[in-house]
N, C-alpha and C. Protein backbone atom coordinates (compact mmCIF):
# COMPACT_ATOMS: atom_id res chain seq x y z
N MET A 1 -2.91 11.53 -36.26
CA MET A 1 -2.46 12.76 -35.66
C MET A 1 -0.94 12.77 -35.66
N GLN A 2 -0.35 13.89 -36.02
CA GLN A 2 1.10 14.07 -36.02
C GLN A 2 1.48 15.06 -34.93
N LEU A 3 2.45 14.70 -34.12
CA LEU A 3 2.94 15.58 -33.09
C LEU A 3 4.45 15.39 -33.01
N MET A 4 5.16 16.44 -33.28
CA MET A 4 6.62 16.41 -33.26
C MET A 4 7.18 15.26 -34.09
N GLY A 5 6.58 15.02 -35.26
CA GLY A 5 7.09 14.01 -36.17
C GLY A 5 6.68 12.58 -35.83
N THR A 6 5.85 12.37 -34.83
CA THR A 6 5.44 11.04 -34.42
C THR A 6 4.01 10.79 -34.87
N ASP A 7 3.78 9.64 -35.47
CA ASP A 7 2.44 9.26 -35.90
C ASP A 7 1.75 8.55 -34.74
N TRP A 8 0.78 9.21 -34.11
CA TRP A 8 0.07 8.68 -32.95
C TRP A 8 -1.22 7.96 -33.34
N SER A 9 -1.52 7.82 -34.62
CA SER A 9 -2.79 7.24 -35.04
C SER A 9 -2.93 5.78 -34.60
N LYS A 10 -1.83 5.06 -34.47
CA LYS A 10 -1.90 3.65 -34.08
C LYS A 10 -1.92 3.48 -32.56
N TYR A 11 -1.69 4.54 -31.82
CA TYR A 11 -1.64 4.45 -30.35
C TYR A 11 -2.94 3.93 -29.77
N ASP A 12 -4.06 4.39 -30.28
CA ASP A 12 -5.36 3.97 -29.75
C ASP A 12 -5.69 2.53 -30.09
N GLN A 13 -4.96 1.92 -31.02
CA GLN A 13 -5.21 0.55 -31.41
C GLN A 13 -4.40 -0.45 -30.58
N ILE A 14 -3.51 0.03 -29.76
CA ILE A 14 -2.64 -0.83 -28.95
C ILE A 14 -3.38 -1.28 -27.70
N ASP A 15 -3.21 -2.54 -27.35
CA ASP A 15 -3.75 -3.04 -26.09
C ASP A 15 -2.76 -2.65 -25.00
N HIS A 16 -3.16 -1.72 -24.14
CA HIS A 16 -2.28 -1.22 -23.09
C HIS A 16 -2.34 -2.08 -21.83
N GLY A 17 -3.09 -3.17 -21.84
CA GLY A 17 -3.15 -4.08 -20.71
C GLY A 17 -4.08 -3.64 -19.58
N VAL A 18 -4.79 -2.56 -19.76
CA VAL A 18 -5.70 -2.08 -18.73
C VAL A 18 -7.12 -2.28 -19.24
N GLU A 19 -7.83 -3.23 -18.62
CA GLU A 19 -9.18 -3.50 -19.06
C GLU A 19 -10.20 -2.70 -18.27
N ASN A 20 -9.97 -2.57 -16.98
CA ASN A 20 -10.87 -1.76 -16.17
C ASN A 20 -10.07 -1.20 -14.99
N VAL A 21 -10.52 -0.09 -14.50
CA VAL A 21 -9.86 0.55 -13.38
C VAL A 21 -10.76 0.39 -12.16
N VAL A 22 -10.20 -0.12 -11.07
CA VAL A 22 -10.94 -0.32 -9.84
C VAL A 22 -10.40 0.69 -8.83
N GLU A 23 -11.28 1.42 -8.21
CA GLU A 23 -10.88 2.47 -7.28
C GLU A 23 -11.04 2.01 -5.84
N ILE A 24 -10.04 1.28 -5.35
CA ILE A 24 -10.01 0.83 -3.96
C ILE A 24 -9.43 1.98 -3.14
N TYR A 25 -10.13 2.37 -2.08
CA TYR A 25 -9.62 3.43 -1.21
C TYR A 25 -8.68 2.81 -0.19
N LEU A 26 -7.45 3.32 -0.12
CA LEU A 26 -6.46 2.81 0.81
C LEU A 26 -5.77 3.98 1.49
N GLU A 27 -5.89 4.02 2.80
CA GLU A 27 -5.24 5.06 3.61
C GLU A 27 -4.23 4.37 4.51
N PHE A 28 -2.99 4.87 4.51
CA PHE A 28 -1.94 4.27 5.32
C PHE A 28 -1.03 5.37 5.85
N SER A 29 -0.77 5.33 7.16
CA SER A 29 0.17 6.27 7.76
C SER A 29 0.88 5.57 8.90
N CYS A 30 2.02 6.12 9.28
CA CYS A 30 2.79 5.56 10.39
C CYS A 30 3.22 6.72 11.28
N ALA A 31 2.89 6.63 12.54
CA ALA A 31 3.20 7.70 13.51
C ALA A 31 2.68 9.05 13.02
N GLY A 32 1.55 9.03 12.33
CA GLY A 32 0.95 10.25 11.81
C GLY A 32 1.63 10.81 10.58
N LYS A 33 2.64 10.12 10.06
CA LYS A 33 3.37 10.58 8.87
C LYS A 33 2.73 9.97 7.63
N PRO A 34 2.68 10.74 6.53
CA PRO A 34 2.02 10.25 5.32
C PRO A 34 2.91 9.31 4.50
N LEU A 35 2.31 8.75 3.48
CA LEU A 35 3.03 7.90 2.53
C LEU A 35 4.27 8.61 2.02
N GLY A 36 5.34 7.85 1.85
CA GLY A 36 6.58 8.41 1.31
C GLY A 36 7.48 9.07 2.35
N ALA A 37 7.00 9.17 3.60
CA ALA A 37 7.79 9.84 4.63
C ALA A 37 8.99 9.01 5.05
N MET A 38 10.06 9.70 5.39
CA MET A 38 11.27 9.10 5.95
C MET A 38 11.53 9.81 7.26
N PHE A 39 11.56 9.06 8.37
CA PHE A 39 11.72 9.70 9.66
C PHE A 39 12.37 8.76 10.67
N GLU A 40 12.81 9.34 11.76
CA GLU A 40 13.46 8.60 12.84
C GLU A 40 12.56 8.63 14.07
N MET A 41 12.53 7.51 14.81
CA MET A 41 11.75 7.48 16.03
C MET A 41 12.29 6.43 16.99
N ALA A 42 12.13 6.69 18.29
CA ALA A 42 12.56 5.76 19.33
C ALA A 42 11.39 4.92 19.84
N LYS A 43 10.15 5.39 19.58
CA LYS A 43 8.97 4.63 19.99
C LYS A 43 8.67 3.55 18.95
N LYS A 44 7.89 2.56 19.35
CA LYS A 44 7.50 1.51 18.42
C LYS A 44 6.54 2.09 17.37
N PRO A 45 6.79 1.81 16.10
CA PRO A 45 5.95 2.38 15.04
C PRO A 45 4.49 1.93 15.13
N LYS A 46 3.59 2.91 15.09
CA LYS A 46 2.15 2.64 15.11
C LYS A 46 1.57 3.06 13.77
N MET A 47 0.93 2.12 13.09
CA MET A 47 0.38 2.35 11.76
C MET A 47 -1.13 2.42 11.80
N LYS A 48 -1.69 3.25 10.93
CA LYS A 48 -3.14 3.34 10.75
C LYS A 48 -3.44 2.91 9.33
N ILE A 49 -4.40 2.00 9.21
CA ILE A 49 -4.78 1.47 7.90
C ILE A 49 -6.29 1.54 7.76
N ARG A 50 -6.73 2.04 6.62
CA ARG A 50 -8.16 2.05 6.31
C ARG A 50 -8.33 1.67 4.84
N VAL A 51 -9.24 0.74 4.60
CA VAL A 51 -9.50 0.28 3.24
C VAL A 51 -11.00 0.25 3.02
N ASP A 52 -11.44 0.79 1.89
CA ASP A 52 -12.81 0.66 1.42
C ASP A 52 -12.72 -0.05 0.08
N GLY A 53 -13.12 -1.30 0.04
CA GLY A 53 -13.00 -2.09 -1.18
C GLY A 53 -14.18 -1.91 -2.12
N THR A 54 -13.97 -2.35 -3.34
CA THR A 54 -15.05 -2.38 -4.33
C THR A 54 -15.67 -3.77 -4.40
N ALA A 55 -15.06 -4.70 -3.68
CA ALA A 55 -15.54 -6.07 -3.51
C ALA A 55 -15.07 -6.49 -2.12
N PRO A 56 -15.52 -7.62 -1.62
CA PRO A 56 -15.03 -8.05 -0.32
C PRO A 56 -13.51 -8.17 -0.30
N ILE A 57 -12.91 -7.71 0.78
CA ILE A 57 -11.46 -7.73 0.93
C ILE A 57 -11.07 -9.12 1.44
N ALA A 58 -10.12 -9.74 0.77
CA ALA A 58 -9.65 -11.07 1.17
C ALA A 58 -8.51 -10.96 2.17
N ARG A 59 -7.61 -10.01 1.92
CA ARG A 59 -6.40 -9.95 2.74
C ARG A 59 -5.82 -8.56 2.73
N VAL A 60 -5.38 -8.11 3.91
CA VAL A 60 -4.59 -6.88 4.04
C VAL A 60 -3.28 -7.30 4.68
N THR A 61 -2.18 -6.96 4.03
CA THR A 61 -0.86 -7.38 4.49
C THR A 61 0.01 -6.17 4.76
N ILE A 62 0.60 -6.14 5.95
CA ILE A 62 1.64 -5.14 6.24
C ILE A 62 2.96 -5.79 5.88
N VAL A 63 3.69 -5.16 4.98
CA VAL A 63 4.98 -5.67 4.54
C VAL A 63 6.06 -4.83 5.22
N ARG A 64 7.00 -5.53 5.86
CA ARG A 64 8.13 -4.85 6.49
C ARG A 64 9.41 -5.39 5.86
N ASN A 65 10.20 -4.49 5.30
CA ASN A 65 11.48 -4.87 4.70
C ASN A 65 11.32 -6.03 3.71
N GLU A 66 10.31 -5.92 2.86
CA GLU A 66 10.03 -6.86 1.76
C GLU A 66 9.58 -8.24 2.21
N LYS A 67 9.14 -8.37 3.46
CA LYS A 67 8.61 -9.63 3.94
C LYS A 67 7.21 -9.39 4.52
N ASN A 68 6.30 -10.33 4.27
CA ASN A 68 4.96 -10.23 4.85
C ASN A 68 5.12 -10.28 6.36
N TYR A 69 4.72 -9.20 7.03
CA TYR A 69 4.95 -9.09 8.46
C TYR A 69 3.69 -9.38 9.27
N ARG A 70 2.56 -8.85 8.85
CA ARG A 70 1.28 -9.08 9.54
C ARG A 70 0.19 -9.20 8.48
N VAL A 71 -0.58 -10.27 8.56
CA VAL A 71 -1.63 -10.52 7.57
C VAL A 71 -2.98 -10.57 8.28
N PHE A 72 -3.93 -9.81 7.75
CA PHE A 72 -5.31 -9.82 8.23
C PHE A 72 -6.16 -10.50 7.15
N ASN A 73 -6.77 -11.63 7.45
CA ASN A 73 -7.64 -12.33 6.51
C ASN A 73 -9.07 -11.89 6.78
N LEU A 74 -9.77 -11.50 5.72
CA LEU A 74 -11.08 -10.87 5.88
C LEU A 74 -12.10 -11.39 4.87
N ARG A 75 -13.32 -10.93 5.06
CA ARG A 75 -14.41 -11.10 4.09
C ARG A 75 -15.34 -9.90 4.19
N GLU A 76 -14.76 -8.72 4.30
CA GLU A 76 -15.51 -7.49 4.50
C GLU A 76 -15.20 -6.49 3.39
N TYR A 77 -16.09 -5.54 3.16
CA TYR A 77 -15.85 -4.47 2.20
C TYR A 77 -15.00 -3.35 2.80
N GLU A 78 -14.99 -3.26 4.14
CA GLU A 78 -14.24 -2.18 4.80
C GLU A 78 -13.33 -2.77 5.86
N PHE A 79 -12.21 -2.10 6.07
CA PHE A 79 -11.25 -2.51 7.09
C PHE A 79 -10.62 -1.24 7.66
N ASP A 80 -10.59 -1.14 8.97
CA ASP A 80 -10.05 0.05 9.64
C ASP A 80 -9.38 -0.42 10.93
N THR A 81 -8.07 -0.22 11.04
CA THR A 81 -7.36 -0.68 12.23
C THR A 81 -6.10 0.15 12.47
N THR A 82 -5.56 -0.02 13.65
CA THR A 82 -4.22 0.47 13.95
C THR A 82 -3.40 -0.75 14.33
N PHE A 83 -2.11 -0.68 14.05
CA PHE A 83 -1.21 -1.80 14.34
C PHE A 83 0.11 -1.23 14.81
N THR A 84 0.61 -1.74 15.93
CA THR A 84 1.90 -1.32 16.44
C THR A 84 2.90 -2.45 16.23
N ASP A 85 4.04 -2.11 15.64
CA ASP A 85 5.11 -3.08 15.48
C ASP A 85 5.82 -3.20 16.82
N ASP A 86 5.53 -4.27 17.55
CA ASP A 86 6.10 -4.45 18.88
C ASP A 86 7.54 -4.95 18.85
N ALA A 87 8.03 -5.30 17.67
CA ALA A 87 9.40 -5.80 17.56
C ALA A 87 10.11 -5.19 16.35
N PRO A 88 10.18 -3.85 16.28
CA PRO A 88 10.86 -3.24 15.12
C PRO A 88 12.35 -3.55 15.14
N LEU A 89 12.91 -3.64 13.97
CA LEU A 89 14.35 -3.90 13.85
C LEU A 89 15.11 -2.59 14.03
N GLN A 90 16.28 -2.66 14.61
CA GLN A 90 17.12 -1.46 14.73
C GLN A 90 17.47 -0.96 13.35
N GLY A 91 17.51 0.35 13.20
CA GLY A 91 17.85 0.95 11.91
C GLY A 91 16.63 1.11 11.03
N GLU A 92 16.86 1.08 9.73
CA GLU A 92 15.79 1.37 8.77
C GLU A 92 14.82 0.22 8.61
N ASN A 93 13.54 0.55 8.70
CA ASN A 93 12.44 -0.38 8.44
C ASN A 93 11.54 0.25 7.39
N ARG A 94 11.27 -0.49 6.34
CA ARG A 94 10.40 -0.02 5.26
C ARG A 94 9.07 -0.74 5.39
N TYR A 95 7.99 0.02 5.54
CA TYR A 95 6.65 -0.54 5.68
C TYR A 95 5.76 -0.09 4.53
N TYR A 96 4.95 -1.02 4.03
CA TYR A 96 3.86 -0.64 3.14
C TYR A 96 2.73 -1.65 3.30
N VAL A 97 1.58 -1.35 2.71
CA VAL A 97 0.40 -2.20 2.83
C VAL A 97 -0.03 -2.68 1.45
N ARG A 98 -0.39 -3.96 1.39
CA ARG A 98 -0.94 -4.55 0.16
C ARG A 98 -2.34 -5.05 0.46
N VAL A 99 -3.28 -4.77 -0.43
CA VAL A 99 -4.68 -5.17 -0.29
C VAL A 99 -5.02 -6.12 -1.43
N GLU A 100 -5.68 -7.23 -1.09
CA GLU A 100 -6.15 -8.17 -2.10
C GLU A 100 -7.64 -8.39 -1.88
N GLN A 101 -8.42 -8.22 -2.92
CA GLN A 101 -9.87 -8.44 -2.85
C GLN A 101 -10.19 -9.85 -3.35
N TRP A 102 -11.37 -10.33 -2.98
CA TRP A 102 -11.80 -11.66 -3.42
C TRP A 102 -12.01 -11.72 -4.93
N ASP A 103 -12.24 -10.58 -5.59
CA ASP A 103 -12.42 -10.59 -7.04
C ASP A 103 -11.09 -10.52 -7.80
N GLY A 104 -9.96 -10.54 -7.07
CA GLY A 104 -8.64 -10.55 -7.71
C GLY A 104 -7.99 -9.18 -7.84
N ASN A 105 -8.74 -8.11 -7.62
CA ASN A 105 -8.14 -6.77 -7.72
C ASN A 105 -7.29 -6.49 -6.48
N MET A 106 -6.27 -5.65 -6.68
CA MET A 106 -5.31 -5.38 -5.62
C MET A 106 -5.00 -3.89 -5.53
N ALA A 107 -4.45 -3.49 -4.38
CA ALA A 107 -3.97 -2.11 -4.20
C ALA A 107 -2.74 -2.16 -3.31
N TRP A 108 -1.83 -1.20 -3.51
CA TRP A 108 -0.63 -1.07 -2.70
C TRP A 108 -0.52 0.36 -2.23
N ALA A 109 -0.02 0.53 -1.01
CA ALA A 109 0.28 1.88 -0.51
C ALA A 109 1.76 2.14 -0.77
N SER A 110 2.10 3.39 -0.98
CA SER A 110 3.50 3.76 -1.04
C SER A 110 4.10 3.53 0.35
N PRO A 111 5.40 3.26 0.42
CA PRO A 111 6.00 2.94 1.71
C PRO A 111 6.31 4.16 2.57
N VAL A 112 6.56 3.85 3.85
CA VAL A 112 7.17 4.81 4.77
C VAL A 112 8.47 4.15 5.26
N TRP A 113 9.47 4.99 5.49
CA TRP A 113 10.76 4.49 5.97
C TRP A 113 10.95 5.01 7.39
N VAL A 114 11.08 4.07 8.32
CA VAL A 114 11.24 4.41 9.73
C VAL A 114 12.64 3.99 10.18
N ASN A 115 13.44 4.95 10.62
CA ASN A 115 14.73 4.65 11.20
C ASN A 115 14.50 4.49 12.70
N TYR A 116 14.42 3.23 13.14
CA TYR A 116 14.09 2.94 14.54
C TYR A 116 15.35 3.02 15.40
N THR A 117 15.30 3.85 16.44
CA THR A 117 16.46 4.08 17.33
C THR A 117 16.18 3.65 18.76
N GLY A 118 15.03 3.02 18.99
CA GLY A 118 14.64 2.65 20.35
C GLY A 118 15.40 1.44 20.87
N PRO A 119 15.03 1.01 22.07
CA PRO A 119 15.72 -0.13 22.70
C PRO A 119 15.41 -1.45 22.02
């Protein structure tokens, strides 16, 4: 196939590194704000996490400012919890969630940025 002078016939022969797609359901919010939100708050950030795995979930990690902040070790297909950061750092805190299943598949949530102004 030719499109705008490019020969795409070899494209389908390339190994794109994706062997199978696993659809892990991951819901993550902070203070009711969705993924990608940037906001300011004086209260301690409260996060909601829900995961429906395609295999047993080994670990759910809340990452704060690029460091593993809270780790939940599991052996369940589903995980649903709320978590409050009782010691947020002053200023900007970046939170996201990483999910690891026992079969090796993983999922990540997009981050939320919380500018903490509380005591």
